[in-house]
N, C-alpha and C. Protein backbone atom coordinates (compact mmCIF):
# COMPACT_ATOMS: atom_id res chain seq x y z
N UNK A 1 123.14 153.28 62.33
CA UNK A 1 123.55 152.06 62.25
C UNK A 1 123.99 151.37 63.54
N UNK A 2 123.69 150.34 63.98
CA UNK A 2 123.92 149.55 65.33
C UNK A 2 125.59 149.19 65.03
N UNK A 3 126.26 149.15 66.18
CA UNK A 3 127.68 148.67 66.15
C UNK A 3 127.79 147.46 67.04
N UNK A 4 128.26 146.41 66.73
CA UNK A 4 128.26 145.21 67.40
C UNK A 4 129.62 144.71 67.42
N UNK A 5 130.23 144.47 68.79
CA UNK A 5 131.73 144.02 68.60
C UNK A 5 131.59 142.41 69.13
N UNK A 6 132.45 141.59 68.46
CA UNK A 6 132.63 140.19 68.77
C UNK A 6 133.30 140.17 70.04
N UNK A 7 133.36 139.07 70.59
CA UNK A 7 134.02 138.83 71.87
C UNK A 7 135.48 138.95 71.68
N UNK A 8 135.95 138.25 70.50
CA UNK A 8 137.53 138.42 70.07
C UNK A 8 137.81 139.88 69.84
N UNK A 9 137.10 140.68 69.19
CA UNK A 9 137.36 142.14 69.12
C UNK A 9 137.54 142.82 70.51
N UNK A 10 136.54 142.56 71.34
CA UNK A 10 136.76 143.23 72.82
C UNK A 10 138.06 142.67 73.35
N UNK A 11 138.24 141.44 73.33
CA UNK A 11 139.51 141.03 73.85
C UNK A 11 140.89 141.58 73.48
N UNK A 12 140.89 141.72 72.16
CA UNK A 12 142.20 142.18 71.54
C UNK A 12 142.13 143.66 71.76
N UNK A 13 141.10 144.55 71.91
CA UNK A 13 141.12 145.78 72.21
C UNK A 13 141.65 146.21 73.65
N UNK A 14 141.09 145.13 74.49
CA UNK A 14 141.59 145.23 76.06
C UNK A 14 143.06 144.87 76.07
N UNK A 15 143.61 143.97 75.29
CA UNK A 15 144.88 143.67 75.30
C UNK A 15 145.70 144.93 75.01
N UNK A 16 145.40 145.57 73.95
CA UNK A 16 146.03 146.80 73.47
C UNK A 16 145.96 147.92 74.54
N UNK A 17 144.85 147.97 75.05
CA UNK A 17 144.82 149.00 76.24
C UNK A 17 145.57 148.67 77.38
N UNK A 18 145.68 147.44 77.78
CA UNK A 18 146.48 146.94 78.91
C UNK A 18 147.90 147.25 78.76
N UNK A 19 148.50 147.00 77.57
CA UNK A 19 149.86 147.14 77.17
C UNK A 19 150.14 148.73 77.17
N UNK A 20 149.22 149.49 76.79
CA UNK A 20 149.48 151.11 76.90
C UNK A 20 149.28 151.50 78.32
N UNK A 21 148.46 150.86 78.96
CA UNK A 21 148.10 151.27 80.40
C UNK A 21 149.38 151.05 81.21
N UNK A 22 150.14 149.95 80.92
CA UNK A 22 151.42 149.64 81.82
C UNK A 22 152.35 150.89 81.60
N UNK A 23 152.19 151.68 80.41
CA UNK A 23 153.21 152.65 80.29
C UNK A 23 152.56 153.93 80.83
N UNK A 24 151.40 154.20 80.19
CA UNK A 24 150.71 155.65 80.52
C UNK A 24 149.43 155.42 80.42
N UNK A 25 148.67 155.38 81.67
CA UNK A 25 147.22 155.34 81.75
C UNK A 25 146.45 156.33 80.97
N UNK A 26 146.91 157.72 81.02
CA UNK A 26 146.12 158.56 80.09
C UNK A 26 146.22 158.19 78.63
N UNK A 27 147.44 157.90 78.19
CA UNK A 27 147.54 157.54 76.71
C UNK A 27 146.59 156.47 76.34
N UNK A 28 146.40 155.42 77.27
CA UNK A 28 145.61 154.13 76.88
C UNK A 28 143.95 154.57 76.81
N UNK A 29 143.76 155.57 77.78
CA UNK A 29 142.40 156.04 77.71
C UNK A 29 142.22 156.90 76.47
N UNK A 30 143.04 157.67 75.98
CA UNK A 30 142.77 158.54 74.95
C UNK A 30 142.89 157.57 73.54
N UNK A 31 143.71 156.52 73.75
CA UNK A 31 143.62 155.67 72.41
C UNK A 31 142.21 154.99 72.33
N UNK A 32 141.72 154.64 73.44
CA UNK A 32 140.55 153.90 73.54
C UNK A 32 139.30 154.87 72.89
N UNK A 33 139.37 156.11 73.39
CA UNK A 33 138.37 157.12 72.85
C UNK A 33 138.51 157.37 71.44
N UNK A 34 139.78 157.27 71.02
CA UNK A 34 140.05 157.63 69.57
C UNK A 34 139.56 156.27 68.88
N UNK A 35 139.77 155.09 69.26
CA UNK A 35 139.34 153.99 68.50
C UNK A 35 137.72 153.88 68.42
N UNK A 36 137.16 154.19 69.56
CA UNK A 36 135.59 154.24 69.28
C UNK A 36 135.08 155.17 68.46
N UNK A 37 135.85 156.52 68.59
CA UNK A 37 135.35 157.50 67.45
C UNK A 37 135.49 157.03 66.05
N UNK A 38 136.69 156.22 65.88
CA UNK A 38 136.97 155.74 64.51
C UNK A 38 135.82 154.89 64.07
N UNK A 39 135.59 153.86 65.08
CA UNK A 39 134.62 152.77 64.66
C UNK A 39 133.14 153.47 64.27
N UNK A 40 132.91 154.61 65.08
CA UNK A 40 131.63 155.26 64.90
C UNK A 40 131.60 155.95 63.50
N UNK A 41 132.76 156.55 63.23
CA UNK A 41 133.14 157.29 61.90
C UNK A 41 132.76 156.27 60.74
N UNK A 42 133.44 155.13 60.86
CA UNK A 42 133.32 154.15 59.78
C UNK A 42 131.92 153.68 59.66
N UNK A 43 131.13 153.35 60.67
CA UNK A 43 129.80 153.04 60.65
C UNK A 43 128.99 154.00 60.07
N UNK A 44 129.28 155.29 60.10
CA UNK A 44 128.50 156.41 59.44
C UNK A 44 128.79 156.52 57.96
N UNK A 45 129.99 156.26 57.58
CA UNK A 45 130.48 156.43 56.13
C UNK A 45 130.35 155.21 55.38
N UNK A 46 130.34 154.05 55.84
CA UNK A 46 130.41 152.69 55.15
C UNK A 46 128.96 152.08 55.06
N UNK A 47 128.11 152.89 55.63
CA UNK A 47 126.68 152.23 55.55
C UNK A 47 126.01 151.81 54.23
N UNK A 48 126.58 152.20 53.17
CA UNK A 48 126.03 151.92 51.78
C UNK A 48 126.56 150.64 51.24
N UNK A 49 127.76 150.23 51.72
CA UNK A 49 128.51 149.13 51.00
C UNK A 49 128.54 147.98 52.04
N UNK A 50 127.78 146.97 51.70
CA UNK A 50 127.76 145.53 52.61
C UNK A 50 129.01 144.94 52.29
N UNK A 51 129.57 144.18 53.32
CA UNK A 51 130.64 143.22 53.05
C UNK A 51 131.74 143.47 54.07
N UNK A 52 132.95 142.98 53.87
CA UNK A 52 134.00 143.08 54.67
C UNK A 52 134.87 144.34 54.46
N UNK A 53 135.47 144.80 55.48
CA UNK A 53 136.25 146.04 55.31
C UNK A 53 137.39 146.07 56.39
N UNK A 54 138.38 146.97 56.17
CA UNK A 54 139.42 147.08 57.18
C UNK A 54 139.71 148.51 57.26
N UNK A 55 140.31 149.14 58.37
CA UNK A 55 140.61 150.53 58.44
C UNK A 55 141.80 150.34 59.59
N UNK A 56 142.83 151.39 59.20
CA UNK A 56 143.96 151.49 59.98
C UNK A 56 143.68 152.41 61.23
N UNK A 57 144.04 151.85 62.48
CA UNK A 57 144.07 152.67 63.52
C UNK A 57 145.11 152.34 64.38
N UNK A 58 146.24 153.24 64.49
CA UNK A 58 147.49 152.73 65.04
C UNK A 58 147.45 152.32 66.44
N UNK A 59 147.82 151.25 66.64
CA UNK A 59 148.80 150.28 66.03
C UNK A 59 148.09 149.00 65.36
N UNK A 60 147.01 149.18 65.03
CA UNK A 60 146.43 147.99 64.46
C UNK A 60 145.37 148.28 63.37
N UNK A 61 144.80 147.16 62.64
CA UNK A 61 143.76 147.33 61.66
C UNK A 61 142.49 146.86 62.35
N UNK A 62 141.56 147.59 61.90
CA UNK A 62 140.12 147.07 62.48
C UNK A 62 139.64 146.30 61.32
N UNK A 63 139.13 145.22 61.71
CA UNK A 63 138.54 144.28 60.67
C UNK A 63 137.04 144.30 60.96
N UNK A 64 136.11 144.74 59.99
CA UNK A 64 134.72 144.65 60.38
C UNK A 64 133.92 144.28 59.08
N UNK A 65 132.54 143.98 59.40
CA UNK A 65 131.65 143.67 58.25
C UNK A 65 130.43 144.52 58.47
N UNK A 66 130.02 145.01 57.39
CA UNK A 66 128.98 145.79 57.14
C UNK A 66 127.66 144.87 56.71
N UNK A 67 126.63 144.86 57.54
CA UNK A 67 125.40 144.18 57.16
C UNK A 67 124.40 145.26 56.86
N UNK A 68 123.29 144.71 56.69
CA UNK A 68 122.11 145.44 56.20
C UNK A 68 121.83 146.73 57.29
N UNK A 69 121.71 146.37 58.34
CA UNK A 69 121.49 147.49 59.45
C UNK A 69 122.26 147.68 60.68
N UNK A 70 123.55 146.79 60.46
CA UNK A 70 124.47 146.99 61.59
C UNK A 70 126.03 146.81 60.93
N UNK A 71 126.86 147.22 62.02
CA UNK A 71 128.32 147.00 61.65
C UNK A 71 128.89 146.09 62.67
N UNK A 72 129.58 145.10 62.33
CA UNK A 72 130.14 144.06 63.25
C UNK A 72 131.65 144.17 63.23
N UNK A 73 132.16 144.68 64.41
CA UNK A 73 133.50 144.76 64.55
C UNK A 73 134.10 143.38 64.84
N UNK A 74 134.81 142.80 63.86
CA UNK A 74 135.30 141.33 64.00
C UNK A 74 136.50 141.14 64.94
N UNK A 75 137.55 141.88 64.49
CA UNK A 75 138.84 141.64 65.28
C UNK A 75 139.63 142.80 65.07
N UNK A 76 140.92 142.80 65.60
CA UNK A 76 142.08 143.76 65.43
C UNK A 76 143.21 142.87 65.13
N UNK A 77 144.11 143.32 64.01
CA UNK A 77 145.37 142.79 63.79
C UNK A 77 146.27 143.88 64.04
N UNK A 78 147.35 143.40 64.83
CA UNK A 78 148.46 144.18 64.95
C UNK A 78 149.26 144.56 63.87
N UNK A 79 149.66 145.65 63.73
CA UNK A 79 150.66 146.21 62.51
C UNK A 79 151.95 146.47 63.06
N UNK A 80 152.97 145.52 62.92
CA UNK A 80 154.21 145.64 63.46
C UNK A 80 154.29 145.56 65.02
N UNK A 81 155.31 145.94 65.52
CA UNK A 81 155.55 146.06 67.04
C UNK A 81 154.68 147.29 67.41
N UNK A 82 154.08 147.26 68.78
CA UNK A 82 153.63 148.29 69.35
C UNK A 82 154.61 149.35 69.73
N UNK A 83 154.53 150.55 69.34
CA UNK A 83 155.50 151.59 69.69
C UNK A 83 154.71 152.78 70.11
N UNK A 84 155.39 153.57 70.97
CA UNK A 84 154.66 154.66 71.58
C UNK A 84 154.67 155.65 70.53
N UNK A 85 153.42 156.30 70.49
CA UNK A 85 152.92 157.48 69.70
C UNK A 85 153.09 158.68 70.26
N UNK A 86 153.78 159.78 69.89
CA UNK A 86 153.99 160.95 70.33
C UNK A 86 152.44 161.60 70.62
N UNK A 87 151.65 161.12 69.74
CA UNK A 87 150.24 161.77 69.84
C UNK A 87 149.54 161.17 71.17
N UNK A 88 150.10 160.13 71.78
CA UNK A 88 149.36 159.79 72.92
C UNK A 88 150.38 159.84 74.16
N UNK A 89 151.45 160.25 74.17
CA UNK A 89 152.40 160.53 75.17
C UNK A 89 151.88 161.62 76.15
N UNK A 90 152.04 161.36 77.34
CA UNK A 90 151.63 162.47 78.32
C UNK A 90 152.84 163.47 78.66
N UNK A 91 152.36 164.59 78.61
CA UNK A 91 153.32 165.67 78.93
C UNK A 91 153.34 165.84 80.58
N UNK A 92 154.67 166.36 80.97
CA UNK A 92 154.60 166.82 82.44
C UNK A 92 153.49 167.85 82.77
N UNK A 93 152.90 167.97 83.95
CA UNK A 93 151.84 168.85 84.20
C UNK A 93 152.09 170.35 83.78
N UNK A 94 153.33 170.73 84.05
CA UNK A 94 153.68 172.20 83.66
C UNK A 94 154.13 172.42 82.34
N UNK A 95 154.17 171.40 81.42
CA UNK A 95 154.76 171.41 79.97
C UNK A 95 153.68 172.18 79.10
N UNK A 96 154.06 173.06 78.41
CA UNK A 96 153.12 173.83 77.34
C UNK A 96 152.68 172.81 76.42
N UNK A 97 151.43 172.99 75.75
CA UNK A 97 150.96 172.05 74.68
C UNK A 97 151.99 172.03 73.61
N UNK A 98 152.19 170.89 73.03
CA UNK A 98 153.16 170.83 71.78
C UNK A 98 152.40 171.01 70.57
N UNK A 99 152.93 171.53 69.55
CA UNK A 99 152.20 171.80 68.33
C UNK A 99 153.31 171.46 67.30
N UNK A 100 152.88 170.76 66.20
CA UNK A 100 153.76 170.24 65.08
C UNK A 100 154.23 171.51 64.31
N UNK A 101 153.14 172.60 64.39
CA UNK A 101 153.41 173.72 63.51
C UNK A 101 154.35 174.84 64.17
N UNK A 102 154.48 174.76 65.39
CA UNK A 102 155.22 175.59 66.19
C UNK A 102 156.58 175.05 66.66
N UNK A 103 157.60 175.82 66.49
CA UNK A 103 159.02 175.42 66.86
C UNK A 103 159.20 175.30 68.54
N UNK A 104 159.82 174.31 68.97
CA UNK A 104 160.00 174.38 70.23
C UNK A 104 160.83 175.35 70.84
N UNK A 105 160.50 176.04 72.02
CA UNK A 105 161.21 177.17 72.78
C UNK A 105 162.23 176.76 73.59
N UNK A 106 162.43 175.28 73.79
CA UNK A 106 163.40 174.81 74.73
C UNK A 106 164.75 174.84 74.13
């Protein structure tokens, strides 16, 4: 299935990336990669039902339309204030990887 982004969707995604990039460049890049993966995933699993849809991807909702042979990403709507997510925060270079299943040794 082809994926098409409207100019508004591109603009809003760029705004979110720019706001994240001001704090953490790596976090912004990881968020963008996650967003693209989420959109690809939606296009694979929503291909049977035509019409409007939305999916959550922090800090926004993805608004899209499924058509016969393509998915159109219409826009993004912010959900609350943008807050930093621990998932996308950068660790210091020497810090061990964090895991929610493992207690911290600090």
